[in-house]
Amino acid sequence: PKALAVDDEPAYMTEFRQAMLARGLATRTRNAYVRDLRSCELTNSIALTRWHPDDVLHCLSLLAQDGNTPRTQARMLSS
């Protein structure tokens, strides 16, 4: 599988990708984590680097309301 495109990606996301690659994570795992982060970022419309604990809780609450399984929520939290 191919890694997701990095077009107009913020520096912190690129650094995250590089850290995952350095840890030897599989492409599918890296893609899932990046998708999770992008999705979470869209929930609050602010950069993840500016999030506070309440923003994380808000995102997790929305995931639960949308019917995501606890396993999906846990993966997104670990992303």
PDB file of N, CA and C in Angstrom:
ATOM      1  N   PRO A   1       0.816  -1.197   0.000  1.00  0.00           N
ATOM      2  CA  PRO A   1       0.000   0.000   0.000  1.00  0.00           C
ATOM      3  C   PRO A   1       0.860   1.261   0.000  1.00  0.00           C
ATOM      4  N   LYS A   2       0.311   2.307  -0.593  1.00  0.00           N
ATOM      5  CA  LYS A   2       1.020   3.581  -0.651  1.00  0.00           C
ATOM      6  C   LYS A   2       0.682   4.420   0.571  1.00  0.00           C
ATOM      7  N   ALA A   3       1.637   5.256   0.968  1.00  0.00           N
ATOM      8  CA  ALA A   3       1.386   6.207   2.045  1.00  0.00           C
ATOM      9  C   ALA A   3       0.477   7.303   1.514  1.00  0.00           C
ATOM     10  N   LEU A   4      -0.310   7.887   2.396  1.00  0.00           N
ATOM     11  CA  LEU A   4      -1.192   8.983   2.003  1.00  0.00           C
ATOM     12  C   LEU A   4      -0.378  10.163   1.502  1.00  0.00           C
ATOM     13  N   ALA A   5      -0.968  10.948   0.614  1.00  0.00           N
ATOM     14  CA  ALA A   5      -0.298  12.132   0.061  1.00  0.00           C
ATOM     15  C   ALA A   5      -0.017  13.146   1.160  1.00  0.00           C
ATOM     16  N   VAL A   6       1.040  13.905   0.976  1.00  0.00           N
ATOM     17  CA  VAL A   6       1.448  14.887   1.970  1.00  0.00           C
ATOM     18  C   VAL A   6       1.268  16.324   1.478  1.00  0.00           C
ATOM     19  N   ASP A   7       0.408  16.513   0.485  1.00  0.00           N
ATOM     20  CA  ASP A   7       0.186  17.831  -0.085  1.00  0.00           C
ATOM     21  C   ASP A   7      -0.316  18.821   0.976  1.00  0.00           C
ATOM     22  N   ASP A   8       0.354  19.937   1.065  1.00  0.00           N
ATOM     23  CA  ASP A   8      -0.018  20.997   2.014  1.00  0.00           C
ATOM     24  C   ASP A   8      -0.161  20.507   3.449  1.00  0.00           C
ATOM     25  N   GLU A   9       0.674  19.598   3.824  1.00  0.00           N
ATOM     26  CA  GLU A   9       0.622  19.035   5.163  1.00  0.00           C
ATOM     27  C   GLU A   9       1.424  19.921   6.115  1.00  0.00           C
ATOM     28  N   PRO A  10       0.908  20.198   7.306  1.00  0.00           N
ATOM     29  CA  PRO A  10       1.677  20.991   8.265  1.00  0.00           C
ATOM     30  C   PRO A  10       2.942  20.248   8.707  1.00  0.00           C
ATOM     31  N   ALA A  11       3.926  20.995   9.140  1.00  0.00           N
ATOM     32  CA  ALA A  11       5.215  20.415   9.533  1.00  0.00           C
ATOM     33  C   ALA A  11       5.060  19.379  10.638  1.00  0.00           C
ATOM     34  N   TYR A  12       4.177  19.628  11.591  1.00  0.00           N
ATOM     35  CA  TYR A  12       4.028  18.672  12.700  1.00  0.00           C
ATOM     36  C   TYR A  12       3.503  17.325  12.215  1.00  0.00           C
ATOM     37  N   MET A  13       2.685  17.343  11.162  1.00  0.00           N
ATOM     38  CA  MET A  13       2.170  16.078  10.615  1.00  0.00           C
ATOM     39  C   MET A  13       3.300  15.335   9.890  1.00  0.00           C
ATOM     40  N   THR A  14       4.131  16.059   9.176  1.00  0.00           N
ATOM     41  CA  THR A  14       5.275  15.448   8.491  1.00  0.00           C
ATOM     42  C   THR A  14       6.229  14.833   9.509  1.00  0.00           C
ATOM     43  N   GLU A  15       6.473  15.547  10.604  1.00  0.00           N
ATOM     44  CA  GLU A  15       7.347  15.024  11.661  1.00  0.00           C
ATOM     45  C   GLU A  15       6.752  13.764  12.281  1.00  0.00           C
ATOM     46  N   PHE A  16       5.448  13.771  12.458  1.00  0.00           N
ATOM     47  CA  PHE A  16       4.772  12.590  13.001  1.00  0.00           C
ATOM     48  C   PHE A  16       4.947  11.402  12.066  1.00  0.00           C
ATOM     49  N   ARG A  17       4.765  11.636  10.763  1.00  0.00           N
ATOM     50  CA  ARG A  17       4.964  10.575   9.766  1.00  0.00           C
ATOM     51  C   ARG A  17       6.379  10.005   9.849  1.00  0.00           C
ATOM     52  N   GLN A  18       7.365  10.908   9.916  1.00  0.00           N
ATOM     53  CA  GLN A  18       8.761  10.478   9.959  1.00  0.00           C
ATOM     54  C   GLN A  18       9.055   9.673  11.210  1.00  0.00           C
ATOM     55  N   ALA A  19       8.468  10.080  12.332  1.00  0.00           N
ATOM     56  CA  ALA A  19       8.672   9.339  13.579  1.00  0.00           C
ATOM     57  C   ALA A  19       8.078   7.941  13.483  1.00  0.00           C
ATOM     58  N   MET A  20       6.888   7.839  12.873  1.00  0.00           N
ATOM     59  CA  MET A  20       6.266   6.515  12.710  1.00  0.00           C
ATOM     60  C   MET A  20       7.088   5.640  11.774  1.00  0.00           C
ATOM     61  N   LEU A  21       7.620   6.231  10.705  1.00  0.00           N
ATOM     62  CA  LEU A  21       8.445   5.485   9.766  1.00  0.00           C
ATOM     63  C   LEU A  21       9.714   4.996  10.456  1.00  0.00           C
ATOM     64  N   ALA A  22      10.325   5.866  11.265  1.00  0.00           N
ATOM     65  CA  ALA A  22      11.545   5.501  11.986  1.00  0.00           C
ATOM     66  C   ALA A  22      11.289   4.360  12.973  1.00  0.00           C
ATOM     67  N   ARG A  23      10.074   4.294  13.499  1.00  0.00           N
ATOM     68  CA  ARG A  23       9.707   3.216  14.424  1.00  0.00           C
ATOM     69  C   ARG A  23       9.379   1.928  13.691  1.00  0.00           C
ATOM     70  N   GLY A  24       9.333   1.997  12.352  1.00  0.00           N
ATOM     71  CA  GLY A  24       9.087   0.801  11.556  1.00  0.00           C
ATOM     72  C   GLY A  24       7.628   0.408  11.434  1.00  0.00           C
ATOM     73  N   LEU A  25       6.720   1.361  11.681  1.00  0.00           N
ATOM     74  CA  LEU A  25       5.302   1.044  11.565  1.00  0.00           C
ATOM     75  C   LEU A  25       4.926   0.801  10.106  1.00  0.00           C
ATOM     76  N   ALA A  26       4.019  -0.106   9.891  1.00  0.00           N
ATOM     77  CA  ALA A  26       3.563  -0.461   8.542  1.00  0.00           C
ATOM     78  C   ALA A  26       2.842   0.715   7.890  1.00  0.00           C
ATOM     79  N   THR A  27       2.854   0.727   6.578  1.00  0.00           N
ATOM     80  CA  THR A  27       2.220   1.804   5.819  1.00  0.00           C
ATOM     81  C   THR A  27       0.749   1.942   6.185  1.00  0.00           C
ATOM     82  N   ARG A  28       0.035   0.849   6.280  1.00  0.00           N
ATOM     83  CA  ARG A  28      -1.393   0.919   6.623  1.00  0.00           C
ATOM     84  C   ARG A  28      -1.604   1.520   8.011  1.00  0.00           C
ATOM     85  N   THR A  29      -0.737   1.190   8.941  1.00  0.00           N
ATOM     86  CA  THR A  29      -0.834   1.744  10.293  1.00  0.00           C
ATOM     87  C   THR A  29      -0.573   3.238  10.258  1.00  0.00           C
ATOM     88  N   ARG A  30       0.475   3.631   9.540  1.00  0.00           N
ATOM     89  CA  ARG A  30       0.787   5.064   9.434  1.00  0.00           C
ATOM     90  C   ARG A  30      -0.365   5.816   8.789  1.00  0.00           C
ATOM     91  N   ASN A  31      -0.924   5.254   7.721  1.00  0.00           N
ATOM     92  CA  ASN A  31      -2.051   5.898   7.044  1.00  0.00           C
ATOM     93  C   ASN A  31      -3.253   6.045   7.982  1.00  0.00           C
ATOM     94  N   ALA A  32      -3.534   4.999   8.755  1.00  0.00           N
ATOM     95  CA  ALA A  32      -4.671   5.056   9.681  1.00  0.00           C
ATOM     96  C   ALA A  32      -4.457   6.151  10.716  1.00  0.00           C
ATOM     97  N   TYR A  33      -3.259   6.245  11.266  1.00  0.00           N
ATOM     98  CA  TYR A  33      -2.977   7.278  12.263  1.00  0.00           C
ATOM     99  C   TYR A  33      -3.095   8.675  11.665  1.00  0.00           C
ATOM    100  N   VAL A  34      -2.577   8.865  10.472  1.00  0.00           N
ATOM    101  CA  VAL A  34      -2.660  10.181   9.831  1.00  0.00           C
ATOM    102  C   VAL A  34      -4.115  10.528   9.528  1.00  0.00           C
ATOM    103  N   ARG A  35      -4.881   9.559   9.038  1.00  0.00           N
ATOM    104  CA  ARG A  35      -6.318   9.801   8.792  1.00  0.00           C
ATOM    105  C   ARG A  35      -7.021  10.184  10.086  1.00  0.00           C
ATOM    106  N   ASP A  36      -6.689   9.483  11.157  1.00  0.00           N
ATOM    107  CA  ASP A  36      -7.296   9.791  12.456  1.00  0.00           C
ATOM    108  C   ASP A  36      -6.987  11.223  12.877  1.00  0.00           C
ATOM    109  N   LEU A  37      -5.738  11.609  12.743  1.00  0.00           N
ATOM    110  CA  LEU A  37      -5.355  12.960  13.147  1.00  0.00           C
ATOM    111  C   LEU A  37      -6.025  14.019  12.292  1.00  0.00           C
ATOM    112  N   ARG A  38      -6.087  13.777  10.998  1.00  0.00           N
ATOM    113  CA  ARG A  38      -6.764  14.724  10.108  1.00  0.00           C
ATOM    114  C   ARG A  38      -8.236  14.837  10.475  1.00  0.00           C
ATOM    115  N   SER A  39      -8.863  13.722  10.750  1.00  0.00           N
ATOM    116  CA  SER A  39     -10.272  13.713  11.120  1.00  0.00           C
ATOM    117  C   SER A  39     -10.503  14.472  12.420  1.00  0.00           C
ATOM    118  N   CYS A  40      -9.656  14.211  13.403  1.00  0.00           N
ATOM    119  CA  CYS A  40      -9.783  14.911  14.690  1.00  0.00           C
ATOM    120  C   CYS A  40      -9.577  16.410  14.519  1.00  0.00           C
ATOM    121  N   GLU A  41      -8.621  16.768  13.712  1.00  0.00           N
ATOM    122  CA  GLU A  41      -8.336  18.181  13.491  1.00  0.00           C
ATOM    123  C   GLU A  41      -9.545  18.894  12.894  1.00  0.00           C
ATOM    124  N   LEU A  42     -10.270  18.212  12.030  1.00  0.00           N
ATOM    125  CA  LEU A  42     -11.454  18.805  11.410  1.00  0.00           C
ATOM    126  C   LEU A  42     -12.594  19.012  12.406  1.00  0.00           C
ATOM    127  N   THR A  43     -12.644  18.198  13.461  1.00  0.00           N
ATOM    128  CA  THR A  43     -13.746  18.324  14.426  1.00  0.00           C
ATOM    129  C   THR A  43     -13.723  19.653  15.156  1.00  0.00           C
ATOM    130  N   ASN A  44     -12.533  20.191  15.392  1.00  0.00           N
ATOM    131  CA  ASN A  44     -12.416  21.438  16.157  1.00  0.00           C
ATOM    132  C   ASN A  44     -11.938  22.610  15.303  1.00  0.00           C
ATOM    133  N   SER A  45     -11.577  22.347  14.080  1.00  0.00           N
ATOM    134  CA  SER A  45     -11.124  23.395  13.152  1.00  0.00           C
ATOM    135  C   SER A  45      -9.936  24.197  13.669  1.00  0.00           C
ATOM    136  N   ILE A  46      -9.118  23.557  14.478  1.00  0.00           N
ATOM    137  CA  ILE A  46      -7.863  24.189  14.914  1.00  0.00           C
ATOM    138  C   ILE A  46      -6.747  23.155  14.825  1.00  0.00           C
ATOM    139  N   ALA A  47      -5.531  23.651  14.657  1.00  0.00           N
ATOM    140  CA  ALA A  47      -4.375  22.757  14.546  1.00  0.00           C
ATOM    141  C   ALA A  47      -4.224  21.925  15.817  1.00  0.00           C
ATOM    142  N   LEU A  48      -3.847  20.683  15.642  1.00  0.00           N
ATOM    143  CA  LEU A  48      -3.666  19.795  16.794  1.00  0.00           C
ATOM    144  C   LEU A  48      -2.639  20.331  17.783  1.00  0.00           C
ATOM    145  N   THR A  49      -1.678  21.066  17.288  1.00  0.00           N
ATOM    146  CA  THR A  49      -0.649  21.615  18.167  1.00  0.00           C
ATOM    147  C   THR A  49      -1.205  22.675  19.116  1.00  0.00           C
ATOM    148  N   ARG A  50      -2.423  23.130  18.863  1.00  0.00           N
ATOM    149  CA  ARG A  50      -3.056  24.145  19.712  1.00  0.00           C
ATOM    150  C   ARG A  50      -4.178  23.565  20.565  1.00  0.00           C
ATOM    151  N   TRP A  51      -4.357  22.249  20.509  1.00  0.00           N
ATOM    152  CA  TRP A  51      -5.420  21.606  21.271  1.00  0.00           C
ATOM    153  C   TRP A  51      -5.125  21.623  22.757  1.00  0.00           C
ATOM    154  N   HIS A  52      -6.194  21.633  23.526  1.00  0.00           N
ATOM    155  CA  HIS A  52      -6.163  21.514  24.980  1.00  0.00           C
ATOM    156  C   HIS A  52      -6.915  20.234  25.344  1.00  0.00           C
ATOM    157  N   PRO A  53      -6.822  19.782  26.589  1.00  0.00           N
ATOM    158  CA  PRO A  53      -7.515  18.546  26.968  1.00  0.00           C
ATOM    159  C   PRO A  53      -9.018  18.564  26.632  1.00  0.00           C
ATOM    160  N   ASP A  54      -9.658  19.696  26.764  1.00  0.00           N
ATOM    161  CA  ASP A  54     -11.086  19.773  26.434  1.00  0.00           C
ATOM    162  C   ASP A  54     -11.349  19.483  24.954  1.00  0.00           C
ATOM    163  N   ASP A  55     -10.414  19.863  24.084  1.00  0.00           N
ATOM    164  CA  ASP A  55     -10.566  19.588  22.656  1.00  0.00           C
ATOM    165  C   ASP A  55     -10.515  18.090  22.380  1.00  0.00           C
ATOM    166  N   VAL A  56      -9.646  17.390  23.097  1.00  0.00           N
ATOM    167  CA  VAL A  56      -9.543  15.933  22.949  1.00  0.00           C
ATOM    168  C   VAL A  56     -10.845  15.284  23.406  1.00  0.00           C
ATOM    169  N   LEU A  57     -11.350  15.728  24.551  1.00  0.00           N
ATOM    170  CA  LEU A  57     -12.602  15.180  25.065  1.00  0.00           C
ATOM    171  C   LEU A  57     -13.764  15.440  24.110  1.00  0.00           C
ATOM    172  N   HIS A  58     -13.788  16.621  23.521  1.00  0.00           N
ATOM    173  CA  HIS A  58     -14.829  16.958  22.551  1.00  0.00           C
ATOM    174  C   HIS A  58     -14.765  16.016  21.348  1.00  0.00           C
ATOM    175  N   CYS A  59     -13.582  15.793  20.843  1.00  0.00           N
ATOM    176  CA  CYS A  59     -13.400  14.895  19.698  1.00  0.00           C
ATOM    177  C   CYS A  59     -13.860  13.482  20.049  1.00  0.00           C
ATOM    178  N   LEU A  60     -13.463  12.981  21.210  1.00  0.00           N
ATOM    179  CA  LEU A  60     -13.865  11.632  21.621  1.00  0.00           C
ATOM    180  C   LEU A  60     -15.374  11.539  21.813  1.00  0.00           C
ATOM    181  N   SER A  61     -15.963  12.589  22.323  1.00  0.00           N
ATOM    182  CA  SER A  61     -17.411  12.615  22.492  1.00  0.00           C
ATOM    183  C   SER A  61     -18.119  12.523  21.142  1.00  0.00           C
ATOM    184  N   LEU A  62     -17.630  13.263  20.167  1.00  0.00           N
ATOM    185  CA  LEU A  62     -18.215  13.215  18.829  1.00  0.00           C
ATOM    186  C   LEU A  62     -18.056  11.837  18.198  1.00  0.00           C
ATOM    187  N   LEU A  63     -16.906  11.209  18.434  1.00  0.00           N
ATOM    188  CA  LEU A  63     -16.692   9.860  17.902  1.00  0.00           C
ATOM    189  C   LEU A  63     -17.717   8.887  18.471  1.00  0.00           C
ATOM    190  N   ALA A  64     -17.964   8.995  19.766  1.00  0.00           N
ATOM    191  CA  ALA A  64     -18.939   8.114  20.409  1.00  0.00           C
ATOM    192  C   ALA A  64     -20.341   8.385  19.869  1.00  0.00           C
ATOM    193  N   GLN A  65     -20.679   9.663  19.721  1.00  0.00           N
ATOM    194  CA  GLN A  65     -22.004  10.026  19.198  1.00  0.00           C
ATOM    195  C   GLN A  65     -22.200   9.519  17.774  1.00  0.00           C
ATOM    196  N   ASP A  66     -21.126   9.491  17.004  1.00  0.00           N
ATOM    197  CA  ASP A  66     -21.203   9.026  15.618  1.00  0.00           C
ATOM    198  C   ASP A  66     -21.239   7.506  15.506  1.00  0.00           C
ATOM    199  N   GLY A  67     -21.193   6.813  16.654  1.00  0.00           N
ATOM    200  CA  GLY A  67     -21.309   5.367  16.644  1.00  0.00           C
ATOM    201  C   GLY A  67     -20.002   4.617  16.457  1.00  0.00           C
ATOM    202  N   ASN A  68     -18.873   5.301  16.600  1.00  0.00           N
ATOM    203  CA  ASN A  68     -17.586   4.615  16.479  1.00  0.00           C
ATOM    204  C   ASN A  68     -17.399   3.668  17.657  1.00  0.00           C
ATOM    205  N   THR A  69     -16.807   2.538  17.389  1.00  0.00           N
ATOM    206  CA  THR A  69     -16.585   1.539  18.436  1.00  0.00           C
ATOM    207  C   THR A  69     -15.539   2.031  19.424  1.00  0.00           C
ATOM    208  N   PRO A  70     -15.564   1.490  20.639  1.00  0.00           N
ATOM    209  CA  PRO A  70     -14.526   1.857  21.606  1.00  0.00           C
ATOM    210  C   PRO A  70     -13.107   1.582  21.074  1.00  0.00           C
ATOM    211  N   ARG A  71     -12.972   0.555  20.266  1.00  0.00           N
ATOM    212  CA  ARG A  71     -11.653   0.235  19.671  1.00  0.00           C
ATOM    213  C   ARG A  71     -11.195   1.350  18.730  1.00  0.00           C
ATOM    214  N   THR A  72     -12.108   1.857  17.893  1.00  0.00           N
ATOM    215  CA  THR A  72     -11.775   2.964  16.998  1.00  0.00           C
ATOM    216  C   THR A  72     -11.446   4.209  17.793  1.00  0.00           C
ATOM    217  N   GLN A  73     -12.221   4.466  18.820  1.00  0.00           N
ATOM    218  CA  GLN A  73     -11.957   5.630  19.661  1.00  0.00           C
ATOM    219  C   GLN A  73     -10.582   5.545  20.326  1.00  0.00           C
ATOM    220  N   ALA A  74     -10.235   4.358  20.783  1.00  0.00           N
ATOM    221  CA  ALA A  74      -8.937   4.153  21.436  1.00  0.00           C
ATOM    222  C   ALA A  74      -7.797   4.366  20.439  1.00  0.00           C
ATOM    223  N   ARG A  75      -7.976   3.868  19.198  1.00  0.00           N
ATOM    224  CA  ARG A  75      -6.939   4.073  18.182  1.00  0.00           C
ATOM    225  C   ARG A  75      -6.763   5.552  17.877  1.00  0.00           C
ATOM    226  N   MET A  76      -7.882   6.255  17.756  1.00  0.00           N
ATOM    227  CA  MET A  76      -7.798   7.686  17.459  1.00  0.00           C
ATOM    228  C   MET A  76      -7.142   8.435  18.610  1.00  0.00           C
ATOM    229  N   LEU A  77      -7.435   8.040  19.827  1.00  0.00           N
ATOM    230  CA  LEU A  77      -6.805   8.682  20.979  1.00  0.00           C
ATOM    231  C   LEU A  77      -5.299   8.418  20.973  1.00  0.00           C
ATOM    232  N   SER A  78      -4.904   7.204  20.638  1.00  0.00           N
ATOM    233  CA  SER A  78      -3.469   6.919  20.628  1.00  0.00           C
ATOM    234  C   SER A  78      -2.762   7.599  19.464  1.00  0.00           C
ATOM    235  N   SER A  79      -3.490   7.873  18.400  1.00  0.00           N
ATOM    236  CA  SER A  79      -2.894   8.631  17.283  1.00  0.00           C
ATOM    237  C   SER A  79      -2.464   9.986  17.780  1.00  0.00           C
TER     238      SER A  79
END
